[in-house]
Protein backbone atom coordinates (compact mmCIF):
# COMPACT_ATOMS: atom_id res chain seq x y z
CA UNK A 1 -13.85 12.49 83.03
CA UNK A 2 -14.89 9.28 81.14
CA UNK A 3 -17.32 8.43 78.39
CA UNK A 4 -19.70 5.65 79.30
CA UNK A 5 -21.87 3.57 76.63
CA UNK A 6 -25.52 2.96 78.41
CA UNK A 7 -28.01 0.92 76.81
CA UNK A 8 -32.08 1.31 77.38
CA UNK A 9 -34.56 -1.08 77.33
CA UNK A 10 -38.12 -0.75 77.93
CA UNK A 11 -38.99 -1.84 81.76
CA UNK A 12 -41.06 -4.95 80.66
CA UNK A 13 -38.37 -6.22 78.91
CA UNK A 14 -37.17 -9.91 79.97
CA UNK A 15 -34.21 -8.76 81.58
CA UNK A 16 -32.49 -12.27 81.97
CA UNK A 17 -32.98 -13.08 78.16
CA UNK A 18 -31.35 -9.53 77.36
CA UNK A 19 -28.11 -10.22 79.58
CA UNK A 20 -27.79 -13.58 78.02
CA UNK A 21 -28.04 -12.11 74.46
CA UNK A 22 -25.51 -9.26 75.58
CA UNK A 23 -23.07 -12.11 77.07
CA UNK A 24 -23.11 -14.16 74.36
CA UNK A 25 -22.38 -11.38 72.09
CA UNK A 26 -19.40 -10.24 74.31
CA UNK A 27 -21.21 -7.36 76.18
CA UNK A 28 -23.09 -7.01 79.27
CA UNK A 29 -26.05 -5.31 80.64
CA UNK A 30 -25.21 -4.62 84.10
CA UNK A 31 -28.20 -2.42 85.50
CA UNK A 32 -27.52 0.89 86.92
CA UNK A 33 -29.50 3.17 88.88
CA UNK A 34 -28.90 6.36 86.82
CA UNK A 35 -30.68 9.60 87.55
CA UNK A 36 -29.54 11.35 84.54
CA UNK A 37 -32.72 12.44 83.30
CA UNK A 38 -36.62 12.11 83.97
CA UNK A 39 -37.08 11.11 80.67
CA UNK A 40 -35.76 7.42 81.32
CA UNK A 41 -37.73 6.90 84.53
CA UNK A 42 -39.67 4.13 83.07
CA UNK A 43 -36.98 2.49 81.49
CA UNK A 44 -34.44 -0.02 82.48
CA UNK A 45 -30.67 1.11 82.11
CA UNK A 46 -27.49 -0.77 81.85
CA UNK A 47 -23.91 -0.57 81.37
CA UNK A 48 -23.11 -2.46 78.18
CA UNK A 49 -19.27 -2.81 78.57
CA UNK A 50 -17.24 -4.03 81.54
CA UNK A 51 -14.35 -1.72 80.54
CA UNK A 52 -13.38 0.86 83.26
CA UNK A 53 -14.76 3.32 80.88
CA UNK A 54 -15.57 3.58 77.18
CA UNK A 55 -13.33 6.23 76.11
CA UNK A 56 -11.65 4.18 73.40
CA UNK A 57 -14.83 2.78 71.63
CA UNK A 58 -15.17 3.80 67.96
CA UNK A 59 -18.82 4.71 68.64
CA UNK A 60 -18.97 8.16 67.66
CA UNK A 61 -15.04 8.40 66.76
CA UNK A 62 -15.92 10.71 63.58
CA UNK A 63 -17.75 13.30 65.49
CA UNK A 64 -15.60 16.41 66.60
CA UNK A 65 -16.11 17.82 70.06
CA UNK A 66 -14.49 20.86 72.01
CA UNK A 67 -13.47 19.06 74.82
CA UNK A 68 -10.93 20.45 77.02
CA UNK A 69 -7.56 19.19 75.98
CA UNK A 70 -6.21 16.36 78.03
CA UNK A 71 -2.77 15.75 79.09
CA UNK A 72 -0.90 13.58 76.27
CA UNK A 73 -0.49 10.07 78.01
CA UNK A 74 3.12 9.93 76.73
CA UNK A 75 3.60 13.50 78.29
CA UNK A 76 2.17 11.85 81.66
CA UNK A 77 4.61 9.00 81.37
CA UNK A 78 7.86 11.28 80.49
CA UNK A 79 6.99 13.41 83.72
CA UNK A 80 6.54 10.69 85.92
CA UNK A 81 9.96 9.14 84.64
CA UNK A 82 11.67 12.58 85.17
CA UNK A 83 10.41 12.87 88.81
CA UNK A 84 12.32 9.65 89.29
CA UNK A 85 15.37 11.02 87.99
CA UNK A 86 15.63 8.99 84.92
CA UNK A 87 18.15 10.36 82.13
CA UNK A 88 16.20 11.30 78.76
CA UNK A 89 17.94 8.30 76.87
CA UNK A 90 16.13 6.06 79.49
CA UNK A 91 13.22 7.68 79.30
CA UNK A 92 12.93 7.58 75.37
CA UNK A 93 13.71 3.74 75.28
CA UNK A 94 11.06 3.32 78.20
CA UNK A 95 8.23 5.01 76.03
CA UNK A 96 9.25 3.12 72.81
CA UNK A 97 8.86 -0.15 74.89
CA UNK A 98 5.82 0.89 76.52
CA UNK A 99 2.63 -0.71 75.29
CA UNK A 100 0.87 1.85 73.23
CA UNK A 101 -2.56 1.76 74.92
CA UNK A 102 -2.88 5.24 74.26
CA UNK A 103 -2.98 4.88 70.39
CA UNK A 104 -6.15 3.70 69.21
CA UNK A 105 -5.98 0.37 67.16
CA UNK A 106 -7.56 0.77 63.81
CA UNK A 107 -7.66 -2.91 63.09
CA UNK A 108 -10.57 -3.49 65.27
CA UNK A 109 -12.97 -0.59 64.03
CA UNK A 110 -14.82 -2.60 61.81
CA UNK A 111 -15.32 -5.48 64.17
CA UNK A 112 -16.43 -3.28 67.07
CA UNK A 113 -19.00 -1.68 64.77
CA UNK A 114 -20.19 -5.16 63.41
CA UNK A 115 -20.38 -6.31 67.08
CA UNK A 116 -22.57 -3.29 67.98
CA UNK A 117 -24.91 -3.76 65.26
CA UNK A 118 -25.15 -7.42 65.89
CA UNK A 119 -26.07 -7.00 69.14
CA UNK A 120 -29.04 -4.53 68.51
CA UNK A 121 -30.42 -6.84 65.89
CA UNK A 122 -30.49 -9.79 68.29
CA UNK A 123 -31.84 -7.83 70.95
CA UNK A 124 -34.73 -6.44 68.77
CA UNK A 125 -35.43 -9.72 67.53
CA UNK A 126 -34.79 -12.25 69.88
CA UNK A 127 -36.30 -10.52 72.99
CA UNK A 128 -39.11 -9.04 70.86
CA UNK A 129 -38.28 -5.28 71.98
CA UNK A 130 -39.66 -2.47 70.23
CA UNK A 131 -36.53 -0.72 70.89
CA UNK A 132 -33.35 -0.74 72.14
CA UNK A 133 -31.72 2.99 73.10
CA UNK A 134 -28.24 3.51 73.16
CA UNK A 135 -26.54 6.47 75.05
CA UNK A 136 -23.04 8.03 75.20
CA UNK A 137 -22.26 10.62 77.80
CA UNK A 138 -18.87 12.07 78.87
CA UNK A 139 -19.15 11.63 82.95
CA UNK A 140 -17.69 14.20 85.26
CA UNK A 141 -19.10 12.38 88.13
CA UNK A 142 -20.78 8.84 88.90
CA UNK A 143 -23.07 7.20 86.46
CA UNK A 144 -25.75 7.12 89.22
CA UNK A 145 -25.45 10.86 90.31
CA UNK A 146 -25.05 12.84 87.11
CA UNK A 147 -27.91 14.68 85.50
CA UNK A 148 -27.88 16.05 82.03
CA UNK A 149 -29.92 16.64 79.10
CA UNK A 150 -30.00 14.85 75.86
CA UNK A 151 -31.61 14.73 72.66
CA UNK A 152 -33.50 11.86 71.07
CA UNK A 153 -32.93 10.24 67.59
CA UNK A 154 -34.56 6.99 65.95
CA UNK A 155 -32.76 4.82 63.75
CA UNK A 156 -34.13 2.09 61.99
CA UNK A 157 -32.23 -1.49 61.74
CA UNK A 158 -31.59 -0.93 58.15
CA UNK A 159 -30.07 2.28 58.48
CA UNK A 160 -27.20 0.70 60.81
CA UNK A 161 -24.24 0.80 58.69
CA UNK A 162 -20.67 1.58 59.80
CA UNK A 163 -21.22 5.17 59.13
CA UNK A 164 -24.10 5.69 61.47
CA UNK A 165 -22.07 4.12 64.33
CA UNK A 166 -19.13 6.16 63.73
CA UNK A 167 -21.03 9.39 63.65
CA UNK A 168 -23.09 8.64 66.78
CA UNK A 169 -22.94 11.80 69.05
CA UNK A 170 -22.76 12.09 72.58
CA UNK A 171 -25.87 13.33 74.64
CA UNK A 172 -28.33 11.85 72.06
CA UNK A 173 -30.38 9.03 72.95
CA UNK A 174 -30.24 6.72 69.96
CA UNK A 175 -33.63 4.62 69.74
CA UNK A 176 -32.99 1.46 67.67
CA UNK A 177 -35.88 -0.38 66.02
CA UNK A 178 -36.36 -3.02 63.78
């Protein structure tokens, strides 16, 4: 199960211009043929990041969910090293030296939120779009095949502060307007 961030734009949008602005901001707009809902049939849907998944995003990070607990990544490593027959002392050293990719780095939170805010502002302004949609979903299968229901909420660009982005909820299509 992984979270993916999807962007939604009108079907008449200049896709090359949208892709260019996304690229200039360090994002992408890779079109996907998602069948997630009939509500999006006349829209263009794209992945906005090139990461394997978006589980480490700060978007929506202040919202509590009742997800089934996943195994602690450290414990996964410990189990792996034990299967290899490593001593507890050797495992402790390896874990201490391991790059802590499972620890969320808070130093980049403000920058990530500013980048998302700037991306939506530029897409709305420079592409003359009347909206840009954002959808976060915890996928259990492929983006292209998974069908799910979602709510819709409109947000004015003037309301897009740090708190708004940190409190985005999964399975809600946020429609950003100028």
